[in-house]
Amino acid sequence: MKKLLIYSLYAGVLYLAACAGQAMNPAPPPPSLPVIKVSSASATTWLEYPASLEGTTNVEIRPQVSGYLQKIYVEEGAYVSKGQPLFKINSQEYSEFSNNAAASVQSAKAAVEKAQVEYDRLKPLVDNKVIAEVQLKTAKANVDAARADYAQALSGKGSADITVGYTLITAPVSGYIGRIPFRQGSLIGKGETLPLTVLSEVNNVHAYFSMSEADFLSFIAKYDGKSTEEKIKNIPPVDLQLPDNSIYKVKGKIELVQGQFDRSSGTISFRAIFPNNERLLRSGITGKIRIPSLLQDQLAVPQESTYEMQDKVFVFALGDSNKVVSKQISVSGKSGTNFLVSSGLTNGETIVFSGIQRLRDGAVITPQPLLTDSVLHASLSK
């Protein structure tokens, strides 16, 4: 009996000590987390398609005559103006042809003068019936033949001069020089597989991209117009995303759609044109065409308010007694830094805005309301 009393006293002491410990270390208060109300708003979504860029004019520079490459006036990648010298082919042989043609012209001209003198000498004699008229006709035929030879000699001289001109190759348009596979001293000619270079005119740049059949039909149905051409004219200006993910500062315009689908790939090609006054864009660059689409009355949720689990997207909604509840949402698109939600939430519902990394279902928080409009509209405008 005495031992039982001692055990009871000891248990009481332990209980009092535990109560005292709890009093000294109270439970931490619920965490304070920002919350926002989900609301509908206008949002701009973007359809993105890989694109390749080409200058509006890509000219293959090829030799018109054969010979040794005597001079290269430009460097690869240089910008040249129309008419600027690019290459010089050894012209000595062709200059000799031109000189021979010039001599032939002089000879033919002398022959014309000689034939004319003979005609002028015989004409008075024929008029006075001193000689037969047939001699005058023969002299006239000689004059005509000499003049024909002279014309032929002039043509030969012009052809020789044109050939000499081909030995100096100039830029047919202004643009950028591509790769030059030949070097000074190379023997070149008309039969070369490779061009001397490719000259790209890039004052305007074309961006080529493709759509699948399903994307095309869905896309084109969004715009007004009785024909495909009319619908394309109503497509708003588009953006070009560069390889470093920056957005080219000048917007472009879709101006052409290929007439039919490619049977092998099942796609149809589009082309957008972008001004390139600062010559930032070059042929061969890749990027993405971004086509805007304005949507009305879309529920928008900041991406930082969501988390993923097994390829599904969730948010923490604020429930009764400030307890959070995990809810799965269906994402229909993106706009700026927001997800556009088609189901899982209702307009006006409150969710946790940030700090969700350590939250669990049923956790109690101290909500700190944020201005919904300022949060969502700022991210929608990005």
Protein backbone atom coordinates (compact mmCIF):
# COMPACT_ATOMS: atom_id res chain seq x y z
CA MET A 1 0.00 0.00 0.00
CA LYS A 2 2.84 2.31 0.82
CA LYS A 3 4.56 1.49 -2.53
CA LEU A 4 1.33 2.23 -4.42
CA LEU A 5 1.13 5.63 -2.82
CA ILE A 6 4.72 6.38 -3.81
CA TYR A 7 4.04 5.36 -7.44
CA SER A 8 0.96 7.59 -7.56
CA LEU A 9 2.89 10.56 -6.26
CA TYR A 10 5.65 9.92 -8.81
CA ALA A 11 3.15 9.75 -11.69
CA GLY A 12 1.57 12.96 -10.53
CA VAL A 13 4.94 14.68 -10.49
CA LEU A 14 5.66 13.51 -14.04
CA TYR A 15 2.27 14.77 -15.24
CA LEU A 16 2.83 18.18 -13.66
CA ALA A 17 6.28 18.33 -15.26
CA ALA A 18 4.87 17.53 -18.69
CA CYS A 19 2.22 20.20 -18.32
CA ALA A 20 4.86 22.68 -17.28
CA GLY A 21 6.97 21.72 -20.36
CA GLN A 22 4.03 22.31 -22.64
CA ALA A 23 3.43 25.66 -21.08
CA MET A 24 7.05 26.60 -21.65
CA ASN A 25 7.05 25.36 -25.39
CA PRO A 26 3.67 26.29 -26.95
CA ALA A 27 2.73 24.97 -30.47
CA PRO A 28 3.88 27.28 -33.35
CA PRO A 29 1.16 29.45 -34.93
CA PRO A 30 -0.15 28.62 -38.43
CA PRO A 31 2.09 30.01 -41.19
CA SER A 32 1.06 33.29 -42.82
CA LEU A 33 0.78 32.79 -46.57
CA PRO A 34 -0.44 35.11 -49.34
CA VAL A 35 -3.70 34.13 -51.00
CA ILE A 36 -5.56 35.41 -54.05
CA LYS A 37 -9.01 35.02 -55.50
CA VAL A 38 -9.20 33.34 -58.88
CA SER A 39 -10.91 35.61 -61.37
CA SER A 40 -11.63 35.63 -65.07
CA ALA A 41 -9.83 38.05 -67.38
CA SER A 42 -8.89 38.64 -70.98
CA ALA A 43 -5.72 36.76 -71.87
CA THR A 44 -3.42 36.53 -74.86
CA THR A 45 -2.18 33.09 -75.73
CA TRP A 46 0.47 32.30 -78.32
CA LEU A 47 0.61 29.62 -80.97
CA GLU A 48 4.28 28.81 -81.57
CA TYR A 49 5.81 27.16 -84.63
CA PRO A 50 9.48 26.47 -85.44
CA ALA A 51 10.68 28.68 -88.29
CA SER A 52 13.71 29.07 -90.53
CA LEU A 53 14.78 32.46 -91.88
CA GLU A 54 15.83 33.34 -95.40
CA GLY A 55 16.57 36.62 -97.12
CA THR A 56 13.90 37.76 -99.54
CA THR A 57 16.45 37.24 -102.32
CA ASN A 58 19.15 34.54 -102.29
CA VAL A 59 21.25 34.78 -105.43
CA GLU A 60 23.78 32.14 -106.44
CA ILE A 61 26.82 33.87 -107.92
CA ARG A 62 28.19 31.74 -110.78
CA PRO A 63 30.84 32.44 -113.44
CA GLN A 64 29.73 33.05 -117.02
CA VAL A 65 33.18 32.26 -118.45
CA SER A 66 35.99 29.86 -117.60
CA GLY A 67 39.37 30.92 -116.30
CA TYR A 68 41.60 31.33 -113.30
CA LEU A 69 40.19 33.22 -110.33
CA GLN A 70 42.51 36.20 -110.33
CA LYS A 71 41.06 38.27 -107.50
CA ILE A 72 38.53 37.96 -104.65
CA TYR A 73 37.41 41.41 -103.55
CA VAL A 74 35.19 40.46 -100.59
CA GLU A 75 35.25 38.42 -97.40
CA GLU A 76 32.73 35.82 -96.30
CA GLY A 77 29.93 37.42 -94.32
CA ALA A 78 30.62 40.92 -95.64
CA TYR A 79 27.80 43.26 -96.64
CA VAL A 80 28.05 44.47 -100.23
CA SER A 81 26.10 46.98 -102.30
CA LYS A 82 24.56 46.36 -105.70
CA GLY A 83 27.20 46.72 -108.42
CA GLN A 84 30.16 46.23 -106.07
CA PRO A 85 32.98 44.03 -107.50
CA LEU A 86 33.09 40.53 -106.03
CA PHE A 87 35.43 38.39 -108.16
CA LYS A 88 37.85 38.87 -111.08
CA ILE A 89 38.62 36.10 -113.59
CA ASN A 90 41.80 36.33 -115.66
CA SER A 91 40.71 38.33 -118.71
CA GLN A 92 43.82 38.32 -120.92
CA GLU A 93 42.53 35.68 -123.33
CA TYR A 94 39.14 37.37 -123.65
CA SER A 95 40.75 40.78 -124.11
CA GLU A 96 42.67 39.40 -127.10
CA PHE A 97 39.39 38.17 -128.58
CA SER A 98 38.04 41.68 -128.15
CA ASN A 99 41.11 43.18 -129.85
CA ASN A 100 40.75 40.80 -132.79
CA ALA A 101 37.09 41.70 -133.05
CA ALA A 102 38.01 45.38 -133.07
CA ALA A 103 40.45 44.78 -135.94
CA SER A 104 37.73 42.94 -137.85
CA VAL A 105 35.44 45.94 -137.38
CA GLN A 106 38.04 48.27 -138.85
CA SER A 107 38.63 45.92 -141.79
CA ALA A 108 34.91 45.60 -142.47
CA LYS A 109 34.46 49.35 -142.23
CA ALA A 110 37.23 49.87 -144.81
CA ALA A 111 35.58 47.33 -147.10
CA VAL A 112 32.30 49.26 -146.92
CA GLU A 113 34.05 52.50 -147.82
CA LYS A 114 35.85 50.83 -150.74
CA ALA A 115 32.66 49.30 -152.07
CA GLN A 116 30.87 52.63 -151.74
CA VAL A 117 33.62 54.43 -153.66
CA GLU A 118 33.32 51.92 -156.49
CA TYR A 119 29.54 52.35 -156.57
CA ASP A 120 29.86 56.14 -156.63
CA ARG A 121 32.40 55.90 -159.53
CA LEU A 122 30.17 53.71 -161.67
CA LYS A 123 26.86 55.49 -161.14
CA PRO A 124 27.55 58.50 -163.41
CA LEU A 125 28.81 56.19 -166.14
CA VAL A 126 25.61 54.18 -166.00
CA ASP A 127 23.50 57.35 -165.96
CA ASN A 128 25.27 58.49 -169.16
CA LYS A 129 24.91 55.01 -170.65
CA VAL A 130 28.67 54.63 -170.93
CA ILE A 131 28.60 51.21 -169.25
CA ALA A 132 25.88 48.65 -168.74
CA GLU A 133 23.57 48.97 -165.75
CA VAL A 134 24.47 45.49 -164.60
CA GLN A 135 27.84 46.75 -163.44
CA LEU A 136 26.16 49.29 -161.16
CA LYS A 137 23.92 46.58 -159.71
CA THR A 138 26.99 44.47 -159.02
CA ALA A 139 28.64 47.42 -157.26
CA LYS A 140 25.48 47.99 -155.20
CA ALA A 141 25.47 44.34 -154.14
CA ASN A 142 29.10 44.66 -153.09
CA VAL A 143 28.20 47.67 -150.93
CA ASP A 144 25.34 45.76 -149.27
CA ALA A 145 27.58 42.75 -148.64
CA ALA A 146 30.30 44.95 -147.17
CA ARG A 147 27.79 46.65 -144.87
CA ALA A 148 26.51 43.22 -143.73
CA ASP A 149 30.07 42.15 -142.97
CA TYR A 150 30.55 45.37 -141.03
CA ALA A 151 27.40 44.76 -139.00
CA GLN A 152 28.56 41.22 -138.29
CA ALA A 153 31.96 42.52 -137.19
CA LEU A 154 30.29 45.03 -134.84
CA SER A 155 28.21 42.22 -133.36
CA GLY A 156 31.31 40.11 -132.86
CA LYS A 157 33.04 43.03 -131.14
CA GLY A 158 30.02 43.52 -128.86
CA SER A 159 29.95 39.82 -127.99
CA ALA A 160 33.69 39.86 -127.24
CA ASP A 161 33.26 42.92 -125.00
CA ILE A 162 30.41 41.23 -123.13
CA THR A 163 32.63 38.19 -122.57
CA VAL A 164 35.38 40.44 -121.23
CA GLY A 165 32.78 42.02 -118.94
CA TYR A 166 31.92 38.58 -117.55
CA THR A 167 35.42 38.34 -116.14
CA LEU A 168 34.50 40.98 -113.54
CA ILE A 169 31.66 39.63 -111.39
CA THR A 170 29.68 42.27 -109.49
CA ALA A 171 26.87 42.07 -106.93
CA PRO A 172 23.43 41.89 -108.63
CA VAL A 173 21.73 42.99 -105.37
CA SER A 174 22.79 44.41 -102.02
CA GLY A 175 23.20 41.82 -99.28
CA TYR A 176 25.51 39.53 -97.34
CA ILE A 177 28.17 37.30 -98.84
CA GLY A 178 27.89 33.62 -97.97
CA ARG A 179 30.62 30.98 -97.94
CA ILE A 180 33.24 31.21 -100.66
CA PRO A 181 34.44 27.66 -101.50
CA PHE A 182 37.08 28.81 -104.02
CA ARG A 183 40.39 30.58 -103.51
CA GLN A 184 42.53 32.85 -105.62
CA GLY A 185 44.13 30.85 -108.44
CA SER A 186 41.31 28.27 -108.65
CA LEU A 187 40.23 27.26 -112.14
CA ILE A 188 36.50 27.93 -112.44
CA GLY A 189 33.89 27.76 -115.18
CA LYS A 190 30.25 27.34 -116.11
CA GLY A 191 30.19 23.66 -115.21
CA GLU A 192 30.98 24.12 -111.51
CA THR A 193 28.59 22.37 -109.13
CA LEU A 194 29.14 24.91 -106.38
CA PRO A 195 28.48 28.62 -106.90
CA LEU A 196 31.24 31.12 -106.17
CA THR A 197 29.06 32.27 -103.26
CA VAL A 198 25.44 32.98 -102.36
CA LEU A 199 24.38 36.59 -101.90
CA SER A 200 21.48 37.15 -99.49
CA GLU A 201 19.42 40.32 -99.67
CA VAL A 202 18.12 40.82 -96.11
CA ASN A 203 16.44 44.23 -95.99
CA ASN A 204 13.38 42.08 -95.41
CA VAL A 205 13.52 38.51 -94.12
CA HIS A 206 11.10 35.64 -94.70
CA ALA A 207 10.35 33.21 -91.88
CA TYR A 208 9.04 29.87 -93.14
CA PHE A 209 6.99 27.59 -90.87
CA SER A 210 4.48 24.76 -91.23
CA MET A 211 1.21 23.57 -89.70
CA SER A 212 -0.42 20.17 -89.62
CA GLU A 213 -3.80 19.68 -91.27
CA ALA A 214 -5.67 19.80 -87.95
CA ASP A 215 -3.82 22.90 -86.76
CA PHE A 216 -4.40 24.63 -90.08
CA LEU A 217 -8.16 24.02 -90.11
CA SER A 218 -8.52 25.12 -86.49
CA PHE A 219 -6.28 28.13 -87.00
CA ILE A 220 -7.79 29.46 -90.19
CA ALA A 221 -11.35 29.12 -88.82
CA LYS A 222 -10.61 31.83 -86.23
CA TYR A 223 -10.39 34.63 -88.77
CA ASP A 224 -12.98 36.41 -90.88
CA GLY A 225 -13.02 36.13 -94.64
CA LYS A 226 -14.66 34.26 -97.47
CA SER A 227 -11.43 32.79 -98.78
CA THR A 228 -8.13 31.63 -97.33
CA GLU A 229 -6.43 34.70 -98.79
CA GLU A 230 -8.90 37.03 -97.04
CA LYS A 231 -8.48 35.17 -93.76
CA ILE A 232 -4.69 35.47 -93.94
CA LYS A 233 -4.98 39.23 -94.35
CA ASN A 234 -6.92 39.33 -91.06
CA ILE A 235 -4.24 37.49 -89.08
CA PRO A 236 -2.74 39.97 -86.58
CA PRO A 237 0.98 40.86 -86.62
CA VAL A 238 3.17 38.04 -85.32
CA ASP A 239 6.30 37.87 -83.17
CA LEU A 240 9.60 36.18 -83.91
CA GLN A 241 11.35 34.45 -81.00
CA LEU A 242 15.09 34.24 -81.64
CA PRO A 243 17.38 31.33 -80.65
CA ASP A 244 18.34 33.12 -77.38
CA ASN A 245 14.59 33.26 -76.51
CA SER A 246 14.48 37.03 -76.96
CA ILE A 247 11.65 38.52 -79.02
CA TYR A 248 12.62 40.39 -82.18
CA LYS A 249 11.51 43.96 -81.62
CA VAL A 250 9.72 44.40 -84.96
CA LYS A 251 6.54 42.46 -85.62
CA GLY A 252 6.00 40.58 -88.87
CA LYS A 253 3.07 39.81 -91.11
CA ILE A 254 1.96 36.47 -92.52
CA GLU A 255 1.65 37.08 -96.24
CA LEU A 256 1.57 33.70 -97.99
CA VAL A 257 0.31 30.18 -97.52
CA GLN A 258 1.35 27.31 -99.77
CA GLY A 259 -1.39 26.23 -102.13
CA GLN A 260 -1.53 22.60 -101.02
CA PHE A 261 -0.44 20.18 -98.31
CA ASP A 262 2.78 18.22 -98.55
CA ARG A 263 1.65 14.61 -98.86
CA SER A 264 4.81 13.19 -97.33
CA SER A 265 4.70 15.32 -94.16
CA GLY A 266 1.00 16.20 -93.99
CA THR A 267 1.81 19.87 -93.43
CA ILE A 268 1.20 23.16 -95.19
CA SER A 269 3.79 25.93 -95.31
CA PHE A 270 3.39 29.56 -94.31
CA ARG A 271 5.67 32.53 -94.76
CA ALA A 272 5.92 35.66 -92.60
CA ILE A 273 7.91 38.75 -93.55
CA PHE A 274 9.88 40.84 -91.06
CA PRO A 275 11.58 44.21 -91.74
CA ASN A 276 15.30 43.99 -91.10
CA ASN A 277 16.49 47.59 -91.30
CA GLU A 278 19.21 47.04 -88.69
CA ARG A 279 20.35 43.83 -90.45
CA LEU A 280 20.16 41.80 -87.26
CA LEU A 281 18.54 38.83 -88.98
CA ARG A 282 20.49 36.63 -91.39
CA SER A 283 19.60 33.77 -93.71
CA GLY A 284 19.87 30.41 -91.97
CA ILE A 285 18.83 31.60 -88.50
CA THR A 286 16.15 29.52 -86.80
CA GLY A 287 13.49 30.70 -84.37
CA LYS A 288 9.81 30.48 -83.55
CA ILE A 289 6.83 32.27 -85.02
CA ARG A 290 4.44 33.36 -82.24
CA ILE A 291 0.87 34.04 -83.36
CA PRO A 292 -1.28 35.87 -80.76
CA SER A 293 -4.81 34.85 -79.88
CA LEU A 294 -6.98 36.99 -77.56
CA LEU A 295 -9.27 35.00 -75.25
CA GLN A 296 -12.10 36.46 -73.18
CA ASP A 297 -13.27 35.44 -69.69
CA GLN A 298 -10.49 33.00 -68.89
CA LEU A 299 -9.73 31.82 -65.35
CA ALA A 300 -6.06 32.62 -64.80
CA VAL A 301 -3.85 31.04 -62.14
CA PRO A 302 -0.22 32.11 -61.56
CA GLN A 303 2.17 29.27 -62.37
CA GLU A 304 3.95 29.77 -59.04
CA SER A 305 0.67 28.92 -57.29
CA THR A 306 0.67 25.42 -58.79
CA TYR A 307 2.61 22.21 -58.36
CA GLU A 308 2.81 19.05 -60.42
CA MET A 309 2.40 15.44 -59.39
CA GLN A 310 2.39 12.54 -61.83
CA ASP A 311 1.94 14.91 -64.79
CA LYS A 312 -1.07 16.52 -63.17
CA VAL A 313 -1.34 20.13 -62.00
CA PHE A 314 -2.67 21.06 -58.52
CA VAL A 315 -3.32 24.14 -56.40
CA PHE A 316 -4.11 24.61 -52.71
CA ALA A 317 -7.57 26.13 -52.27
CA LEU A 318 -8.53 27.81 -49.01
CA GLY A 319 -11.31 25.93 -47.23
CA ASP A 320 -13.25 26.23 -43.97
CA SER A 321 -11.36 27.23 -40.83
CA ASN A 322 -8.46 28.37 -43.04
CA LYS A 323 -7.57 24.80 -43.94
CA VAL A 324 -6.06 24.24 -47.38
CA VAL A 325 -7.37 21.63 -49.80
CA SER A 326 -5.41 20.26 -52.74
CA LYS A 327 -7.32 20.54 -56.04
CA GLN A 328 -6.44 19.25 -59.47
CA ILE A 329 -6.91 21.75 -62.31
CA SER A 330 -7.11 21.33 -66.09
CA VAL A 331 -4.80 23.69 -67.96
CA SER A 332 -6.02 24.80 -71.39
CA GLY A 333 -3.13 27.12 -72.20
CA LYS A 334 -0.60 29.65 -71.00
CA SER A 335 -0.54 33.43 -71.03
CA GLY A 336 2.52 35.18 -69.72
CA THR A 337 3.30 33.55 -66.36
CA ASN A 338 -0.24 32.25 -65.87
CA PHE A 339 -2.01 29.00 -66.57
CA LEU A 340 -5.45 29.30 -68.16
CA VAL A 341 -7.78 26.94 -66.31
CA SER A 342 -10.71 25.19 -67.95
CA SER A 343 -11.88 23.17 -64.93
CA GLY A 344 -11.08 22.45 -61.28
CA LEU A 345 -11.69 25.95 -59.92
CA THR A 346 -14.55 28.42 -59.93
CA ASN A 347 -14.55 32.17 -60.39
CA GLY A 348 -13.92 33.88 -57.05
CA GLU A 349 -12.38 30.85 -55.33
CA THR A 350 -9.38 31.60 -53.08
CA ILE A 351 -6.06 29.80 -53.52
CA VAL A 352 -2.64 30.03 -51.90
CA PHE A 353 -0.46 32.30 -54.04
CA SER A 354 3.05 31.26 -52.96
CA GLY A 355 4.93 29.30 -50.33
CA ILE A 356 3.17 26.03 -51.16
CA GLN A 357 6.27 23.83 -51.14
CA ARG A 358 5.71 22.48 -47.60
CA LEU A 359 1.92 22.55 -47.49
CA ARG A 360 -0.16 19.43 -47.07
CA ASP A 361 -3.87 18.74 -47.34
CA GLY A 362 -5.68 19.92 -44.22
CA ALA A 363 -2.91 22.28 -43.08
CA VAL A 364 -4.09 25.45 -41.37
CA ILE A 365 -2.69 28.79 -42.52
CA THR A 366 -3.12 32.44 -41.73
CA PRO A 367 -4.24 33.87 -45.08
CA GLN A 368 -2.80 37.19 -46.24
CA PRO A 369 -5.03 38.43 -49.12
CA LEU A 370 -3.30 40.02 -52.10
CA LEU A 371 -4.79 42.27 -54.74
CA THR A 372 -5.85 39.72 -57.34
CA ASP A 373 -6.03 42.16 -60.25
CA SER A 374 -2.52 43.48 -59.73
CA VAL A 375 -1.05 39.97 -59.54
CA LEU A 376 -2.85 38.43 -62.51
CA HIS A 377 -2.90 41.40 -64.84
CA ALA A 378 0.81 42.03 -64.35
CA SER A 379 1.61 38.46 -65.36
CA LEU A 380 -0.93 38.42 -68.19
CA SER A 381 0.75 41.42 -69.76
CA LYS A 382 4.14 39.71 -69.97
